[in-house]
Amino acid sequence: MRQYSHYHSSKILKEYYCHPYVIEHSEAVMLKAINLASRFKPDVDLDLVKAGAMLHDVGRSRTNGIKHAIIGANILRENGVQPEIVKIVERHIGAGITREEAELMGLPARDYLPITLEEKLVAHADNLIHGTREVDLDFVIEKWQTKLGPKHPSIQRIIKMHMELTGYQR
């Protein structure tokens, strides 16, 4: 397995014809993930966070739908990217997707919940970046409530993840 730096990650995004907007978004997510990770030094693998953040949306080269995470993970697997980065990409949607939710969405039936600190940091950094600008938790909650409904269980997972990674309560 090859280790992936920021340079290699940007190169993969370009090789798969990711729109420049996706690359700019990924760079903004990477910067936010680095910022969030600063609370957890030395317990976080910063290189893994950087590569995962840069590659989290590689699947958008093929679709902008929910399946972009699965497609992106498959692209990276096919390219021999280390499994830890593949899992970050596969598990970065919101605060993750349970097996039951995945089945309802037509995704392969398994859990896509971020488990490791690095997976959580990238997923939540992605939540907190809208396009290339940073947004707050209220914006994130409103966005997901609009998409999924106000009582969807993922909303509470997002709030819990936010508290875990930032120390701030809503």
C-alpha atoms as a PDB file:
ATOM      1  CA  MET A   1       0.000   0.000   0.000  1.00  0.00           C
ATOM      2  CA  ARG A   2       1.249   3.472  -0.875  1.00  0.00           C
ATOM      3  CA  GLN A   3       1.196   6.358   1.560  1.00  0.00           C
ATOM      4  CA  TYR A   4      -0.607   9.396   0.185  1.00  0.00           C
ATOM      5  CA  SER A   5       0.500  12.959   0.697  1.00  0.00           C
ATOM      6  CA  HIS A   6      -1.389  16.133  -0.166  1.00  0.00           C
ATOM      7  CA  TYR A   7       0.424  16.141  -3.513  1.00  0.00           C
ATOM      8  CA  HIS A   8      -0.552  12.569  -4.349  1.00  0.00           C
ATOM      9  CA  SER A   9      -4.128  13.210  -3.227  1.00  0.00           C
ATOM     10  CA  SER A  10      -4.480  16.276  -5.468  1.00  0.00           C
ATOM     11  CA  LYS A  11      -3.006  14.273  -8.334  1.00  0.00           C
ATOM     12  CA  ILE A  12      -5.598  11.503  -7.918  1.00  0.00           C
ATOM     13  CA  LEU A  13      -8.427  14.049  -7.892  1.00  0.00           C
ATOM     14  CA  LYS A  14      -7.120  15.521 -11.141  1.00  0.00           C
ATOM     15  CA  GLU A  15      -6.557  12.075 -12.708  1.00  0.00           C
ATOM     16  CA  TYR A  16     -10.216  11.277 -12.110  1.00  0.00           C
ATOM     17  CA  TYR A  17     -11.321  14.608 -13.571  1.00  0.00           C
ATOM     18  CA  CYS A  18     -12.748  15.971 -10.360  1.00  0.00           C
ATOM     19  CA  HIS A  19     -14.107  19.442 -10.948  1.00  0.00           C
ATOM     20  CA  PRO A  20     -11.813  22.194  -9.626  1.00  0.00           C
ATOM     21  CA  TYR A  21     -14.647  23.107  -7.241  1.00  0.00           C
ATOM     22  CA  VAL A  22     -14.399  19.602  -5.667  1.00  0.00           C
ATOM     23  CA  ILE A  23     -10.643  20.044  -5.277  1.00  0.00           C
ATOM     24  CA  GLU A  24     -11.101  23.479  -3.654  1.00  0.00           C
ATOM     25  CA  HIS A  25     -13.765  22.033  -1.334  1.00  0.00           C
ATOM     26  CA  SER A  26     -11.445  19.153  -0.412  1.00  0.00           C
ATOM     27  CA  GLU A  27      -8.641  21.562   0.415  1.00  0.00           C
ATOM     28  CA  ALA A  28     -10.999  23.568   2.660  1.00  0.00           C
ATOM     29  CA  VAL A  29     -12.122  20.345   4.376  1.00  0.00           C
ATOM     30  CA  MET A  30      -8.482  19.387   4.887  1.00  0.00           C
ATOM     31  CA  LEU A  31      -7.703  22.713   6.568  1.00  0.00           C
ATOM     32  CA  LYS A  32     -10.757  22.395   8.818  1.00  0.00           C
ATOM     33  CA  ALA A  33      -9.851  18.789   9.695  1.00  0.00           C
ATOM     34  CA  ILE A  34      -6.316  19.876  10.632  1.00  0.00           C
ATOM     35  CA  ASN A  35      -7.817  22.578  12.834  1.00  0.00           C
ATOM     36  CA  LEU A  36     -10.157  20.101  14.547  1.00  0.00           C
ATOM     37  CA  ALA A  37      -7.287  17.619  14.956  1.00  0.00           C
ATOM     38  CA  SER A  38      -5.186  20.121  16.898  1.00  0.00           C
ATOM     39  CA  ARG A  39      -7.154  19.235  20.068  1.00  0.00           C
ATOM     40  CA  PHE A  40      -6.054  15.607  19.822  1.00  0.00           C
ATOM     41  CA  LYS A  41      -2.288  15.797  19.279  1.00  0.00           C
ATOM     42  CA  PRO A  42      -0.352  13.484  19.525  1.00  0.00           C
ATOM     43  CA  ASP A  43      -3.146  10.879  19.357  1.00  0.00           C
ATOM     44  CA  VAL A  44      -4.164  11.628  15.779  1.00  0.00           C
ATOM     45  CA  ASP A  45      -2.449  10.577  12.540  1.00  0.00           C
ATOM     46  CA  LEU A  46      -2.361  13.949  10.816  1.00  0.00           C
ATOM     47  CA  ASP A  47      -1.056  12.537   7.524  1.00  0.00           C
ATOM     48  CA  LEU A  48      -4.024  10.173   7.418  1.00  0.00           C
ATOM     49  CA  VAL A  49      -6.424  13.048   8.159  1.00  0.00           C
ATOM     50  CA  LYS A  50      -4.893  15.185   5.403  1.00  0.00           C
ATOM     51  CA  ALA A  51      -5.013  12.433   2.776  1.00  0.00           C
ATOM     52  CA  GLY A  52      -8.521  11.338   3.787  1.00  0.00           C
ATOM     53  CA  ALA A  53      -9.807  14.908   3.664  1.00  0.00           C
ATOM     54  CA  MET A  54      -8.276  15.531   0.257  1.00  0.00           C
ATOM     55  CA  LEU A  55      -9.701  12.295  -1.168  1.00  0.00           C
ATOM     56  CA  HIS A  56     -13.083  12.188   0.594  1.00  0.00           C
ATOM     57  CA  ASP A  57     -15.001  13.367  -2.485  1.00  0.00           C
ATOM     58  CA  VAL A  58     -13.100  11.570  -5.262  1.00  0.00           C
ATOM     59  CA  GLY A  59     -16.327   9.676  -5.999  1.00  0.00           C
ATOM     60  CA  ARG A  60     -17.884  12.961  -7.102  1.00  0.00           C
ATOM     61  CA  SER A  61     -15.924  12.453 -10.301  1.00  0.00           C
ATOM     62  CA  ARG A  62     -18.678   9.942 -11.164  1.00  0.00           C
ATOM     63  CA  THR A  63     -21.758  11.042  -9.177  1.00  0.00           C
ATOM     64  CA  ASN A  64     -22.913  13.766  -6.832  1.00  0.00           C
ATOM     65  CA  GLY A  65     -25.403  11.453  -5.144  1.00  0.00           C
ATOM     66  CA  ILE A  66     -25.073   9.687  -1.802  1.00  0.00           C
ATOM     67  CA  LYS A  67     -23.231   6.831  -3.522  1.00  0.00           C
ATOM     68  CA  HIS A  68     -20.213   9.071  -4.139  1.00  0.00           C
ATOM     69  CA  ALA A  69     -18.686   7.817  -0.890  1.00  0.00           C
ATOM     70  CA  ILE A  70     -18.950   4.173  -1.960  1.00  0.00           C
ATOM     71  CA  ILE A  71     -17.757   4.917  -5.493  1.00  0.00           C
ATOM     72  CA  GLY A  72     -14.856   6.965  -4.125  1.00  0.00           C
ATOM     73  CA  ALA A  73     -13.843   4.152  -1.789  1.00  0.00           C
ATOM     74  CA  ASN A  74     -13.901   1.714  -4.719  1.00  0.00           C
ATOM     75  CA  ILE A  75     -11.769   4.046  -6.859  1.00  0.00           C
ATOM     76  CA  LEU A  76      -9.194   4.256  -4.067  1.00  0.00           C
ATOM     77  CA  ARG A  77      -9.220   0.479  -3.460  1.00  0.00           C
ATOM     78  CA  GLU A  78      -8.594  -0.094  -7.171  1.00  0.00           C
ATOM     79  CA  ASN A  79      -5.638   2.300  -6.955  1.00  0.00           C
ATOM     80  CA  GLY A  80      -4.052   0.532  -3.985  1.00  0.00           C
ATOM     81  CA  VAL A  81      -4.716   3.314  -1.501  1.00  0.00           C
ATOM     82  CA  GLN A  82      -4.244   2.214   2.100  1.00  0.00           C
ATOM     83  CA  PRO A  83      -7.399   0.829   3.773  1.00  0.00           C
ATOM     84  CA  GLU A  84      -7.473   3.536   6.460  1.00  0.00           C
ATOM     85  CA  ILE A  85      -7.968   6.216   3.813  1.00  0.00           C
ATOM     86  CA  VAL A  86     -10.537   4.104   1.963  1.00  0.00           C
ATOM     87  CA  LYS A  87     -12.551   3.819   5.197  1.00  0.00           C
ATOM     88  CA  ILE A  88     -12.404   7.590   5.750  1.00  0.00           C
ATOM     89  CA  VAL A  89     -13.866   8.123   2.276  1.00  0.00           C
ATOM     90  CA  GLU A  90     -16.499   5.421   2.699  1.00  0.00           C
ATOM     91  CA  ARG A  91     -17.648   6.723   6.103  1.00  0.00           C
ATOM     92  CA  HIS A  92     -17.579  10.499   5.634  1.00  0.00           C
ATOM     93  CA  ILE A  93     -21.283  11.243   4.963  1.00  0.00           C
ATOM     94  CA  GLY A  94     -22.785  13.331   7.780  1.00  0.00           C
ATOM     95  CA  ALA A  95     -21.979  11.489  10.991  1.00  0.00           C
ATOM     96  CA  GLY A  96     -22.160   8.163   9.214  1.00  0.00           C
ATOM     97  CA  ILE A  97     -24.891   5.882   7.973  1.00  0.00           C
ATOM     98  CA  THR A  98     -26.171   2.830   9.836  1.00  0.00           C
ATOM     99  CA  ARG A  99     -26.722  -0.496   8.098  1.00  0.00           C
ATOM    100  CA  GLU A 100     -30.494   0.028   8.218  1.00  0.00           C
ATOM    101  CA  GLU A 101     -30.228   3.524   6.734  1.00  0.00           C
ATOM    102  CA  ALA A 102     -27.870   2.217   4.037  1.00  0.00           C
ATOM    103  CA  GLU A 103     -30.404  -0.428   2.992  1.00  0.00           C
ATOM    104  CA  LEU A 104     -33.157   2.193   2.747  1.00  0.00           C
ATOM    105  CA  MET A 105     -30.892   4.375   0.570  1.00  0.00           C
ATOM    106  CA  GLY A 106     -29.975   1.539  -1.776  1.00  0.00           C
ATOM    107  CA  LEU A 107     -26.376   1.324  -0.573  1.00  0.00           C
ATOM    108  CA  PRO A 108     -24.649  -1.994   0.107  1.00  0.00           C
ATOM    109  CA  ALA A 109     -26.016  -3.223   3.447  1.00  0.00           C
ATOM    110  CA  ARG A 110     -23.343  -2.424   6.043  1.00  0.00           C
ATOM    111  CA  ASP A 111     -22.496   0.238   8.587  1.00  0.00           C
ATOM    112  CA  TYR A 112     -20.797   3.378   7.304  1.00  0.00           C
ATOM    113  CA  LEU A 113     -20.321   4.966  10.705  1.00  0.00           C
ATOM    114  CA  PRO A 114     -16.978   6.683  11.325  1.00  0.00           C
ATOM    115  CA  ILE A 115     -15.121   4.780  14.025  1.00  0.00           C
ATOM    116  CA  THR A 116     -11.576   6.085  14.260  1.00  0.00           C
ATOM    117  CA  LEU A 117     -10.686   9.596  15.329  1.00  0.00           C
ATOM    118  CA  GLU A 118      -9.335  10.291  11.843  1.00  0.00           C
ATOM    119  CA  GLU A 119     -12.598   9.123  10.226  1.00  0.00           C
ATOM    120  CA  LYS A 120     -14.634  11.329  12.560  1.00  0.00           C
ATOM    121  CA  LEU A 121     -12.419  14.363  11.996  1.00  0.00           C
ATOM    122  CA  VAL A 122     -12.789  14.214   8.217  1.00  0.00           C
ATOM    123  CA  ALA A 123     -16.536  13.507   8.348  1.00  0.00           C
ATOM    124  CA  HIS A 124     -17.185  16.431  10.647  1.00  0.00           C
ATOM    125  CA  ALA A 125     -14.810  18.786   8.870  1.00  0.00           C
ATOM    126  CA  ASP A 126     -16.825  18.018   5.729  1.00  0.00           C
ATOM    127  CA  ASN A 127     -20.016  18.863   7.653  1.00  0.00           C
ATOM    128  CA  LEU A 128     -18.560  22.208   8.703  1.00  0.00           C
ATOM    129  CA  ILE A 129     -17.467  23.246   5.205  1.00  0.00           C
ATOM    130  CA  HIS A 130     -20.175  24.265   2.743  1.00  0.00           C
ATOM    131  CA  GLY A 131     -18.498  24.631  -0.629  1.00  0.00           C
ATOM    132  CA  THR A 132     -15.328  26.361   0.488  1.00  0.00           C
ATOM    133  CA  ARG A 133     -16.675  28.364   3.410  1.00  0.00           C
ATOM    134  CA  GLU A 134     -16.885  27.353   7.032  1.00  0.00           C
ATOM    135  CA  VAL A 135     -20.360  27.054   8.560  1.00  0.00           C
ATOM    136  CA  ASP A 136     -21.595  26.511  12.104  1.00  0.00           C
ATOM    137  CA  LEU A 137     -23.408  23.563  13.656  1.00  0.00           C
ATOM    138  CA  ASP A 138     -26.831  25.218  13.309  1.00  0.00           C
ATOM    139  CA  PHE A 139     -26.308  25.485   9.537  1.00  0.00           C
ATOM    140  CA  VAL A 140     -25.318  21.808   9.397  1.00  0.00           C
ATOM    141  CA  ILE A 141     -28.342  20.712  11.413  1.00  0.00           C
ATOM    142  CA  GLU A 142     -30.714  22.761   9.280  1.00  0.00           C
ATOM    143  CA  LYS A 143     -29.186  21.342   6.087  1.00  0.00           C
ATOM    144  CA  TRP A 144     -29.584  17.725   7.242  1.00  0.00           C
ATOM    145  CA  GLN A 145     -33.069  18.341   8.679  1.00  0.00           C
ATOM    146  CA  THR A 146     -34.146  19.726   5.310  1.00  0.00           C
ATOM    147  CA  LYS A 147     -32.731  16.656   3.530  1.00  0.00           C
ATOM    148  CA  LEU A 148     -33.795  13.967   5.998  1.00  0.00           C
ATOM    149  CA  GLY A 149     -36.489  15.419   8.250  1.00  0.00           C
ATOM    150  CA  PRO A 150     -36.239  17.020  11.704  1.00  0.00           C
ATOM    151  CA  LYS A 151     -36.387  13.772  13.685  1.00  0.00           C
ATOM    152  CA  HIS A 152     -33.888  11.735  11.655  1.00  0.00           C
ATOM    153  CA  PRO A 153     -31.433   9.910  13.968  1.00  0.00           C
ATOM    154  CA  SER A 154     -28.432  11.208  12.041  1.00  0.00           C
ATOM    155  CA  ILE A 155     -29.093  14.704  13.425  1.00  0.00           C
ATOM    156  CA  GLN A 156     -28.318  13.524  16.964  1.00  0.00           C
ATOM    157  CA  ARG A 157     -25.214  11.699  15.694  1.00  0.00           C
ATOM    158  CA  ILE A 158     -23.980  14.952  14.142  1.00  0.00           C
ATOM    159  CA  ILE A 159     -24.554  16.878  17.388  1.00  0.00           C
ATOM    160  CA  LYS A 160     -22.798  14.154  19.409  1.00  0.00           C
ATOM    161  CA  MET A 161     -19.841  14.131  16.989  1.00  0.00           C
ATOM    162  CA  HIS A 162     -19.600  17.916  17.154  1.00  0.00           C
ATOM    163  CA  MET A 163     -19.458  17.815  20.961  1.00  0.00           C
ATOM    164  CA  GLU A 164     -16.866  15.019  20.889  1.00  0.00           C
ATOM    165  CA  LEU A 165     -14.571  16.803  18.427  1.00  0.00           C
ATOM    166  CA  THR A 166     -14.973  20.429  19.479  1.00  0.00           C
ATOM    167  CA  GLY A 167     -15.963  20.224  23.142  1.00  0.00           C
ATOM    168  CA  TYR A 168     -18.817  22.662  22.419  1.00  0.00           C
ATOM    169  CA  GLN A 169     -22.431  21.946  23.183  1.00  0.00           C
ATOM    170  CA  ARG A 170     -25.293  23.264  21.113  1.00  0.00           C
END
